Amino acid sequence: MAFERDAPKAARPSTSLGIKMSKVMAIRKARKDEAQVILEIRNAAIGCQCIGHYSPVDIEIWASVEATKQFIEVVENSFYLASMDGCVVGTGMVNLESGKVDAIFVHPSHMRTGIGRQIMLYLEKLALDAGLTQLSLESTLNNKGAASLFLKKQQRGRFTFYTLSPA
């Protein structure tokens, strides 16, 4: 599995809006053998976004998740991956029974390029197709990307609840 660890941002082409994007982005269902790359992206994103907002001890604990049998099962059932030019650069999951969206992480080399938004739109479409009308998302307080994604949505406490409607 290709994993782009230190891709230079300047090497990616930009759109007319100045947003750095790859020529091709795809979102697809994750396979159980991709659990480790999901954890690597998660941990890189946590390390990049949470420094200064959480203690090093808290970050260490949070990033110490391992690819257990239970996690691998969740990967196989609920995770989706965003890839660009053959490299996995983002993750997201949705439980199509409970409506819980989770684990939207983008590798630091691709943050602020619209990947998180595209993953969320993809998961929303899956939820609509499954007949769900409400989703919930929990995010860290410092996650400005998630805050901008849900700025116009109804928020209560640490959770963002919103209603989906077919386009």
N, C-alpha and C. Protein backbone atom coordinates (compact mmCIF):
# COMPACT_ATOMS: atom_id res chain seq x y z
N MET A 1 0.86 -1.18 0.00
CA MET A 1 0.00 0.00 0.00
C MET A 1 0.89 1.22 0.00
N ALA A 2 0.65 2.09 -0.93
CA ALA A 2 1.41 3.33 -1.00
C ALA A 2 0.93 4.30 0.08
N PHE A 3 1.88 4.94 0.71
CA PHE A 3 1.54 5.92 1.74
C PHE A 3 2.46 7.10 1.57
N GLU A 4 1.91 8.24 1.29
CA GLU A 4 2.69 9.43 1.04
C GLU A 4 2.99 10.12 2.35
N ARG A 5 4.17 9.95 2.88
CA ARG A 5 4.52 10.48 4.20
C ARG A 5 4.93 11.95 4.16
N ASP A 6 5.78 12.30 3.24
CA ASP A 6 6.35 13.64 3.26
C ASP A 6 6.25 14.31 1.89
N ALA A 7 5.10 14.22 1.28
CA ALA A 7 4.93 14.83 -0.04
C ALA A 7 5.01 16.35 0.07
N PRO A 8 5.83 16.96 -0.74
CA PRO A 8 5.89 18.43 -0.70
C PRO A 8 4.61 19.02 -1.26
N LYS A 9 4.02 19.95 -0.53
CA LYS A 9 2.76 20.55 -0.97
C LYS A 9 2.94 21.30 -2.29
N ALA A 10 4.06 21.92 -2.50
CA ALA A 10 4.26 22.70 -3.70
C ALA A 10 4.28 21.85 -4.96
N ALA A 11 4.51 20.55 -4.83
CA ALA A 11 4.58 19.67 -5.98
C ALA A 11 3.21 19.35 -6.56
N ARG A 12 2.17 19.63 -5.81
CA ARG A 12 0.83 19.32 -6.29
C ARG A 12 0.28 20.49 -7.09
N PRO A 13 -0.44 20.20 -8.19
CA PRO A 13 -1.04 21.29 -8.96
C PRO A 13 -2.13 22.00 -8.16
N SER A 14 -2.45 23.23 -8.56
CA SER A 14 -3.51 23.95 -7.85
C SER A 14 -4.69 24.20 -8.77
N THR A 15 -5.85 24.36 -8.16
CA THR A 15 -7.06 24.67 -8.90
C THR A 15 -7.10 26.17 -9.15
N SER A 16 -8.13 26.62 -9.85
CA SER A 16 -8.28 28.05 -10.11
C SER A 16 -8.50 28.82 -8.81
N LEU A 17 -8.91 28.13 -7.75
CA LEU A 17 -9.11 28.78 -6.46
C LEU A 17 -7.84 28.81 -5.63
N GLY A 18 -6.76 28.24 -6.18
CA GLY A 18 -5.51 28.21 -5.45
C GLY A 18 -5.42 27.05 -4.46
N ILE A 19 -6.38 26.13 -4.50
CA ILE A 19 -6.37 24.99 -3.59
C ILE A 19 -5.48 23.92 -4.20
N LYS A 20 -4.53 23.44 -3.42
CA LYS A 20 -3.62 22.41 -3.90
C LYS A 20 -4.36 21.08 -4.00
N MET A 21 -4.40 20.53 -5.19
CA MET A 21 -5.09 19.27 -5.41
C MET A 21 -4.29 18.40 -6.37
N SER A 22 -4.47 17.12 -6.27
CA SER A 22 -3.90 16.18 -7.21
C SER A 22 -4.78 16.15 -8.43
N LYS A 23 -4.28 15.59 -9.50
CA LYS A 23 -5.09 15.46 -10.71
C LYS A 23 -6.23 14.49 -10.50
N VAL A 24 -6.02 13.45 -9.71
CA VAL A 24 -7.05 12.42 -9.54
C VAL A 24 -7.21 12.10 -8.06
N MET A 25 -8.45 12.21 -7.57
CA MET A 25 -8.75 11.78 -6.21
C MET A 25 -9.88 10.77 -6.30
N ALA A 26 -9.74 9.69 -5.56
CA ALA A 26 -10.78 8.66 -5.53
C ALA A 26 -11.08 8.30 -4.09
N ILE A 27 -12.34 8.00 -3.82
CA ILE A 27 -12.73 7.51 -2.50
C ILE A 27 -13.31 6.13 -2.70
N ARG A 28 -12.86 5.21 -1.89
CA ARG A 28 -13.29 3.82 -2.03
C ARG A 28 -13.37 3.14 -0.68
N LYS A 29 -14.02 2.01 -0.64
CA LYS A 29 -14.15 1.19 0.56
C LYS A 29 -12.77 0.68 0.96
N ALA A 30 -12.48 0.75 2.26
CA ALA A 30 -11.20 0.24 2.77
C ALA A 30 -11.26 -1.28 2.87
N ARG A 31 -10.09 -1.88 2.78
CA ARG A 31 -9.94 -3.33 2.98
C ARG A 31 -9.30 -3.56 4.35
N LYS A 32 -9.54 -4.73 4.90
CA LYS A 32 -9.01 -5.00 6.24
C LYS A 32 -7.49 -4.96 6.29
N ASP A 33 -6.81 -5.26 5.17
CA ASP A 33 -5.35 -5.21 5.17
C ASP A 33 -4.81 -3.76 5.15
N GLU A 34 -5.72 -2.78 5.13
CA GLU A 34 -5.31 -1.38 5.15
C GLU A 34 -5.45 -0.74 6.53
N ALA A 35 -5.71 -1.53 7.54
CA ALA A 35 -5.88 -1.00 8.90
C ALA A 35 -4.64 -0.22 9.35
N GLN A 36 -3.47 -0.71 9.05
CA GLN A 36 -2.25 -0.03 9.51
C GLN A 36 -2.07 1.33 8.86
N VAL A 37 -2.34 1.44 7.56
CA VAL A 37 -2.19 2.74 6.89
C VAL A 37 -3.23 3.72 7.43
N ILE A 38 -4.41 3.24 7.79
CA ILE A 38 -5.42 4.10 8.40
C ILE A 38 -4.90 4.64 9.73
N LEU A 39 -4.29 3.79 10.52
CA LEU A 39 -3.73 4.23 11.80
C LEU A 39 -2.58 5.22 11.59
N GLU A 40 -1.77 5.00 10.58
CA GLU A 40 -0.66 5.91 10.30
C GLU A 40 -1.17 7.30 9.94
N ILE A 41 -2.20 7.37 9.11
CA ILE A 41 -2.77 8.66 8.73
C ILE A 41 -3.41 9.32 9.95
N ARG A 42 -4.14 8.55 10.72
CA ARG A 42 -4.78 9.05 11.95
C ARG A 42 -3.75 9.65 12.89
N ASN A 43 -2.69 8.90 13.14
CA ASN A 43 -1.67 9.35 14.08
C ASN A 43 -0.92 10.58 13.57
N ALA A 44 -0.65 10.63 12.27
CA ALA A 44 0.02 11.80 11.69
C ALA A 44 -0.87 13.03 11.82
N ALA A 45 -2.17 12.86 11.55
CA ALA A 45 -3.10 13.98 11.66
C ALA A 45 -3.23 14.45 13.10
N ILE A 46 -3.34 13.52 14.02
CA ILE A 46 -3.43 13.87 15.44
C ILE A 46 -2.17 14.63 15.87
N GLY A 47 -1.01 14.11 15.49
CA GLY A 47 0.26 14.74 15.85
C GLY A 47 0.37 16.15 15.30
N CYS A 48 -0.13 16.35 14.11
CA CYS A 48 -0.03 17.66 13.46
C CYS A 48 -1.05 18.65 14.02
N GLN A 49 -2.27 18.23 14.21
CA GLN A 49 -3.36 19.14 14.57
C GLN A 49 -3.49 19.39 16.07
N CYS A 50 -3.04 18.47 16.89
CA CYS A 50 -3.35 18.56 18.32
C CYS A 50 -2.21 19.09 19.19
N ILE A 51 -1.03 19.22 18.63
CA ILE A 51 0.09 19.76 19.40
C ILE A 51 -0.26 21.19 19.82
N GLY A 52 -0.07 21.48 21.08
CA GLY A 52 -0.40 22.79 21.61
C GLY A 52 -1.81 22.89 22.15
N HIS A 53 -2.65 21.92 21.82
CA HIS A 53 -4.03 21.91 22.32
C HIS A 53 -4.23 20.82 23.37
N TYR A 54 -3.40 19.80 23.29
CA TYR A 54 -3.46 18.69 24.23
C TYR A 54 -2.05 18.42 24.72
N SER A 55 -1.93 17.82 25.88
CA SER A 55 -0.60 17.54 26.43
C SER A 55 0.06 16.43 25.61
N PRO A 56 1.39 16.40 25.60
CA PRO A 56 2.09 15.32 24.90
C PRO A 56 1.67 13.93 25.40
N VAL A 57 1.39 13.82 26.69
CA VAL A 57 0.95 12.53 27.25
C VAL A 57 -0.41 12.14 26.66
N ASP A 58 -1.34 13.09 26.59
CA ASP A 58 -2.65 12.81 26.02
C ASP A 58 -2.54 12.40 24.55
N ILE A 59 -1.70 13.11 23.80
CA ILE A 59 -1.51 12.77 22.38
C ILE A 59 -0.92 11.38 22.24
N GLU A 60 0.06 11.07 23.08
CA GLU A 60 0.68 9.74 23.05
C GLU A 60 -0.34 8.64 23.31
N ILE A 61 -1.19 8.84 24.30
CA ILE A 61 -2.22 7.86 24.62
C ILE A 61 -3.21 7.74 23.47
N TRP A 62 -3.64 8.87 22.95
CA TRP A 62 -4.62 8.90 21.87
C TRP A 62 -4.08 8.21 20.61
N ALA A 63 -2.80 8.39 20.35
CA ALA A 63 -2.19 7.84 19.14
C ALA A 63 -1.64 6.43 19.33
N SER A 64 -1.93 5.81 20.46
CA SER A 64 -1.37 4.48 20.73
C SER A 64 -2.32 3.34 20.34
N VAL A 65 -3.34 3.64 19.57
CA VAL A 65 -4.27 2.60 19.12
C VAL A 65 -3.54 1.62 18.21
N GLU A 66 -3.85 0.36 18.37
CA GLU A 66 -3.22 -0.68 17.54
C GLU A 66 -4.27 -1.32 16.65
N ALA A 67 -3.80 -1.99 15.63
CA ALA A 67 -4.68 -2.67 14.68
C ALA A 67 -5.15 -4.00 15.28
N THR A 68 -6.05 -3.91 16.25
CA THR A 68 -6.60 -5.10 16.88
C THR A 68 -7.59 -5.79 15.94
N LYS A 69 -7.99 -6.98 16.30
CA LYS A 69 -8.98 -7.71 15.50
C LYS A 69 -10.28 -6.91 15.38
N GLN A 70 -10.69 -6.28 16.48
CA GLN A 70 -11.91 -5.48 16.49
C GLN A 70 -11.77 -4.26 15.55
N PHE A 71 -10.60 -3.58 15.61
CA PHE A 71 -10.38 -2.44 14.74
C PHE A 71 -10.39 -2.87 13.27
N ILE A 72 -9.76 -3.98 12.96
CA ILE A 72 -9.72 -4.48 11.59
C ILE A 72 -11.12 -4.79 11.09
N GLU A 73 -11.98 -5.30 11.96
CA GLU A 73 -13.37 -5.56 11.59
C GLU A 73 -14.11 -4.26 11.27
N VAL A 74 -13.87 -3.23 12.09
CA VAL A 74 -14.48 -1.92 11.83
C VAL A 74 -13.98 -1.36 10.50
N VAL A 75 -12.69 -1.50 10.23
CA VAL A 75 -12.13 -1.05 8.96
C VAL A 75 -12.87 -1.71 7.81
N GLU A 76 -13.01 -3.01 7.89
CA GLU A 76 -13.65 -3.77 6.81
C GLU A 76 -15.12 -3.38 6.63
N ASN A 77 -15.81 -3.07 7.72
CA ASN A 77 -17.24 -2.78 7.65
C ASN A 77 -17.59 -1.33 7.38
N SER A 78 -16.77 -0.38 7.85
CA SER A 78 -17.23 1.01 7.87
C SER A 78 -16.27 2.06 7.31
N PHE A 79 -15.03 1.71 7.01
CA PHE A 79 -14.05 2.72 6.61
C PHE A 79 -13.99 2.91 5.10
N TYR A 80 -13.69 4.17 4.73
CA TYR A 80 -13.47 4.54 3.34
C TYR A 80 -12.17 5.32 3.28
N LEU A 81 -11.49 5.21 2.14
CA LEU A 81 -10.19 5.85 1.97
C LEU A 81 -10.21 6.80 0.78
N ALA A 82 -9.56 7.93 0.94
CA ALA A 82 -9.33 8.85 -0.17
C ALA A 82 -7.90 8.65 -0.63
N SER A 83 -7.73 8.55 -1.92
CA SER A 83 -6.37 8.41 -2.45
C SER A 83 -6.16 9.37 -3.60
N MET A 84 -4.92 9.77 -3.74
CA MET A 84 -4.50 10.65 -4.83
C MET A 84 -3.25 10.07 -5.44
N ASP A 85 -3.28 9.95 -6.74
CA ASP A 85 -2.12 9.42 -7.46
C ASP A 85 -1.63 8.11 -6.86
N GLY A 86 -2.57 7.27 -6.40
CA GLY A 86 -2.23 5.95 -5.87
C GLY A 86 -1.83 5.93 -4.41
N CYS A 87 -1.81 7.09 -3.74
CA CYS A 87 -1.43 7.15 -2.33
C CYS A 87 -2.65 7.44 -1.47
N VAL A 88 -2.80 6.69 -0.39
CA VAL A 88 -3.89 6.94 0.55
C VAL A 88 -3.54 8.20 1.33
N VAL A 89 -4.46 9.18 1.30
CA VAL A 89 -4.19 10.47 1.94
C VAL A 89 -5.26 10.87 2.95
N GLY A 90 -6.37 10.12 3.03
CA GLY A 90 -7.42 10.47 3.97
C GLY A 90 -8.30 9.28 4.30
N THR A 91 -8.97 9.38 5.45
CA THR A 91 -9.85 8.30 5.90
C THR A 91 -11.16 8.88 6.41
N GLY A 92 -12.15 8.03 6.47
CA GLY A 92 -13.42 8.40 7.08
C GLY A 92 -14.25 7.15 7.25
N MET A 93 -15.15 7.18 8.21
CA MET A 93 -16.03 6.04 8.38
C MET A 93 -17.42 6.52 8.74
N VAL A 94 -18.39 5.70 8.40
CA VAL A 94 -19.77 5.97 8.75
C VAL A 94 -20.43 4.64 9.13
N ASN A 95 -21.14 4.65 10.24
CA ASN A 95 -21.92 3.51 10.67
C ASN A 95 -23.32 3.72 10.09
N LEU A 96 -23.69 2.90 9.14
CA LEU A 96 -24.95 3.09 8.44
C LEU A 96 -26.16 2.60 9.23
N GLU A 97 -25.93 2.12 10.44
CA GLU A 97 -27.04 1.79 11.34
C GLU A 97 -27.29 2.93 12.33
N SER A 98 -26.22 3.44 12.93
CA SER A 98 -26.37 4.49 13.94
C SER A 98 -26.29 5.91 13.37
N GLY A 99 -25.69 6.05 12.20
CA GLY A 99 -25.50 7.38 11.62
C GLY A 99 -24.29 8.11 12.17
N LYS A 100 -23.43 7.42 12.87
CA LYS A 100 -22.24 8.07 13.43
C LYS A 100 -21.12 8.13 12.38
N VAL A 101 -20.64 9.34 12.17
CA VAL A 101 -19.49 9.58 11.29
C VAL A 101 -18.29 9.74 12.20
N ASP A 102 -17.16 9.16 11.80
CA ASP A 102 -15.99 9.19 12.66
C ASP A 102 -14.74 9.05 11.80
N ALA A 103 -13.61 9.29 12.43
CA ALA A 103 -12.28 9.02 11.86
C ALA A 103 -12.03 9.72 10.53
N ILE A 104 -12.50 10.95 10.41
CA ILE A 104 -12.15 11.72 9.22
C ILE A 104 -10.80 12.35 9.50
N PHE A 105 -9.79 11.75 8.91
CA PHE A 105 -8.42 12.21 9.09
C PHE A 105 -7.80 12.41 7.71
N VAL A 106 -7.02 13.47 7.57
CA VAL A 106 -6.29 13.74 6.35
C VAL A 106 -4.81 13.84 6.71
N HIS A 107 -3.98 13.19 5.92
CA HIS A 107 -2.54 13.25 6.17
C HIS A 107 -2.08 14.71 6.13
N PRO A 108 -1.18 15.11 7.03
CA PRO A 108 -0.73 16.51 7.08
C PRO A 108 -0.25 17.07 5.74
N SER A 109 0.34 16.24 4.89
CA SER A 109 0.83 16.74 3.60
C SER A 109 -0.30 17.13 2.66
N HIS A 110 -1.53 16.76 3.01
CA HIS A 110 -2.67 17.06 2.14
C HIS A 110 -3.79 17.82 2.86
N MET A 111 -3.51 18.30 4.07
CA MET A 111 -4.52 19.05 4.81
C MET A 111 -4.82 20.37 4.10
N ARG A 112 -6.05 20.84 4.30
CA ARG A 112 -6.52 22.11 3.76
C ARG A 112 -6.54 22.12 2.24
N THR A 113 -6.84 20.96 1.65
CA THR A 113 -6.96 20.84 0.20
C THR A 113 -8.37 20.42 -0.22
N GLY A 114 -9.27 20.27 0.73
CA GLY A 114 -10.64 19.88 0.40
C GLY A 114 -10.90 18.39 0.51
N ILE A 115 -9.90 17.61 0.88
CA ILE A 115 -10.08 16.16 0.97
C ILE A 115 -11.08 15.80 2.07
N GLY A 116 -10.96 16.42 3.24
CA GLY A 116 -11.91 16.13 4.33
C GLY A 116 -13.33 16.42 3.92
N ARG A 117 -13.56 17.52 3.23
CA ARG A 117 -14.89 17.88 2.76
C ARG A 117 -15.41 16.83 1.76
N GLN A 118 -14.55 16.39 0.86
CA GLN A 118 -14.96 15.39 -0.12
C GLN A 118 -15.29 14.06 0.54
N ILE A 119 -14.52 13.68 1.55
CA ILE A 119 -14.81 12.45 2.29
C ILE A 119 -16.18 12.59 2.96
N MET A 120 -16.42 13.73 3.59
CA MET A 120 -17.69 13.94 4.28
C MET A 120 -18.86 13.89 3.30
N LEU A 121 -18.74 14.52 2.16
CA LEU A 121 -19.80 14.48 1.15
C LEU A 121 -20.06 13.05 0.68
N TYR A 122 -19.00 12.29 0.52
CA TYR A 122 -19.13 10.89 0.12
C TYR A 122 -19.88 10.08 1.18
N LEU A 123 -19.50 10.28 2.45
CA LEU A 123 -20.16 9.56 3.53
C LEU A 123 -21.63 9.98 3.65
N GLU A 124 -21.92 11.27 3.45
CA GLU A 124 -23.30 11.73 3.46
C GLU A 124 -24.12 11.04 2.37
N LYS A 125 -23.54 10.91 1.20
CA LYS A 125 -24.23 10.23 0.09
C LYS A 125 -24.52 8.78 0.44
N LEU A 126 -23.56 8.10 1.04
CA LEU A 126 -23.78 6.71 1.46
C LEU A 126 -24.93 6.64 2.46
N ALA A 127 -24.94 7.59 3.40
CA ALA A 127 -25.99 7.62 4.43
C ALA A 127 -27.36 7.86 3.80
N LEU A 128 -27.44 8.81 2.88
CA LEU A 128 -28.71 9.07 2.19
C LEU A 128 -29.18 7.84 1.43
N ASP A 129 -28.26 7.20 0.72
CA ASP A 129 -28.61 5.99 -0.04
C ASP A 129 -29.09 4.87 0.87
N ALA A 130 -28.61 4.87 2.13
CA ALA A 130 -29.02 3.85 3.11
C ALA A 130 -30.31 4.24 3.83
N GLY A 131 -30.85 5.41 3.51
CA GLY A 131 -32.11 5.84 4.12
C GLY A 131 -31.98 6.63 5.41
N LEU A 132 -30.76 7.00 5.79
CA LEU A 132 -30.57 7.79 7.01
C LEU A 132 -30.96 9.24 6.75
N THR A 133 -31.47 9.89 7.76
CA THR A 133 -31.81 11.31 7.65
C THR A 133 -31.05 12.16 8.65
N GLN A 134 -30.29 11.54 9.54
CA GLN A 134 -29.52 12.29 10.53
C GLN A 134 -28.19 11.60 10.76
N LEU A 135 -27.14 12.41 10.87
CA LEU A 135 -25.80 11.91 11.18
C LEU A 135 -25.28 12.64 12.40
N SER A 136 -24.33 12.02 13.10
CA SER A 136 -23.65 12.70 14.20
C SER A 136 -22.16 12.58 14.00
N LEU A 137 -21.45 13.60 14.46
CA LEU A 137 -20.00 13.64 14.33
C LEU A 137 -19.43 14.23 15.60
N GLU A 138 -18.39 13.62 16.11
CA GLU A 138 -17.64 14.15 17.25
C GLU A 138 -16.27 14.55 16.74
N SER A 139 -15.82 15.72 17.14
CA SER A 139 -14.53 16.21 16.68
C SER A 139 -13.78 16.85 17.84
N THR A 140 -12.47 16.93 17.70
CA THR A 140 -11.67 17.63 18.69
C THR A 140 -11.99 19.12 18.62
N LEU A 141 -11.82 19.79 19.72
CA LEU A 141 -12.14 21.21 19.80
C LEU A 141 -11.24 22.07 18.92
N ASN A 142 -10.02 21.63 18.68
CA ASN A 142 -9.08 22.43 17.91
C ASN A 142 -9.16 22.18 16.41
N ASN A 143 -10.04 21.31 15.98
CA ASN A 143 -10.09 20.94 14.57
C ASN A 143 -10.84 21.99 13.77
N LYS A 144 -10.10 22.95 13.25
CA LYS A 144 -10.71 24.03 12.48
C LYS A 144 -11.33 23.52 11.18
N GLY A 145 -10.76 22.46 10.62
CA GLY A 145 -11.32 21.89 9.40
C GLY A 145 -12.72 21.35 9.63
N ALA A 146 -12.90 20.62 10.72
CA ALA A 146 -14.23 20.09 11.04
C ALA A 146 -15.17 21.22 11.37
N ALA A 147 -14.67 22.23 12.06
CA ALA A 147 -15.53 23.36 12.41
C ALA A 147 -16.04 24.06 11.15
N SER A 148 -15.18 24.24 10.17
CA SER A 148 -15.63 24.89 8.94
C SER A 148 -16.57 24.00 8.15
N LEU A 149 -16.36 22.69 8.22
CA LEU A 149 -17.26 21.76 7.52
C LEU A 149 -18.68 21.86 8.05
N PHE A 150 -18.81 22.11 9.35
CA PHE A 150 -20.12 22.05 9.98
C PHE A 150 -20.56 23.38 10.55
N LEU A 151 -19.97 24.47 10.08
CA LEU A 151 -20.27 25.78 10.60
C LEU A 151 -21.76 26.11 10.52
N LYS A 152 -22.41 25.69 9.46
CA LYS A 152 -23.82 26.01 9.27
C LYS A 152 -24.74 24.93 9.83
N LYS A 153 -24.18 23.95 10.49
CA LYS A 153 -24.96 22.85 11.04
C LYS A 153 -25.29 23.12 12.50
N GLN A 154 -26.28 22.43 13.02
CA GLN A 154 -26.68 22.60 14.42
C GLN A 154 -25.67 21.89 15.31
N GLN A 155 -25.18 22.59 16.35
CA GLN A 155 -24.18 22.01 17.24
C GLN A 155 -24.69 21.99 18.66
N ARG A 156 -24.42 20.87 19.35
CA ARG A 156 -24.75 20.73 20.76
C ARG A 156 -23.57 20.08 21.46
N GLY A 157 -22.92 20.81 22.34
CA GLY A 157 -21.77 20.26 23.07
C GLY A 157 -20.65 19.88 22.14
N ARG A 158 -20.08 18.71 22.35
CA ARG A 158 -18.98 18.24 21.51
C ARG A 158 -19.47 17.59 20.23
N PHE A 159 -20.78 17.43 20.08
CA PHE A 159 -21.33 16.75 18.92
C PHE A 159 -21.97 17.73 17.96
N THR A 160 -21.89 17.40 16.72
CA THR A 160 -22.59 18.17 15.70
C THR A 160 -23.66 17.24 15.14
N PHE A 161 -24.89 17.69 15.21
CA PHE A 161 -26.00 16.91 14.67
C PHE A 161 -26.56 17.68 13.50
N TYR A 162 -26.87 17.00 12.44
CA TYR A 162 -27.49 17.69 11.32
C TYR A 162 -28.36 16.73 10.55
N THR A 163 -29.31 17.29 9.82
CA THR A 163 -30.25 16.49 9.05
C THR A 163 -29.84 16.53 7.59
N LEU A 164 -29.90 15.38 6.95
CA LEU A 164 -29.58 15.28 5.53
C LEU A 164 -30.86 15.40 4.72
N SER A 165 -30.77 16.00 3.57
CA SER A 165 -31.91 16.01 2.66
C SER A 165 -31.38 15.73 1.25
N PRO A 166 -32.07 14.88 0.50
CA PRO A 166 -31.59 14.55 -0.86
C PRO A 166 -31.47 15.81 -1.72
N ALA A 167 -30.43 15.84 -2.52
CA ALA A 167 -30.20 17.02 -3.38
C ALA A 167 -31.16 17.06 -4.54
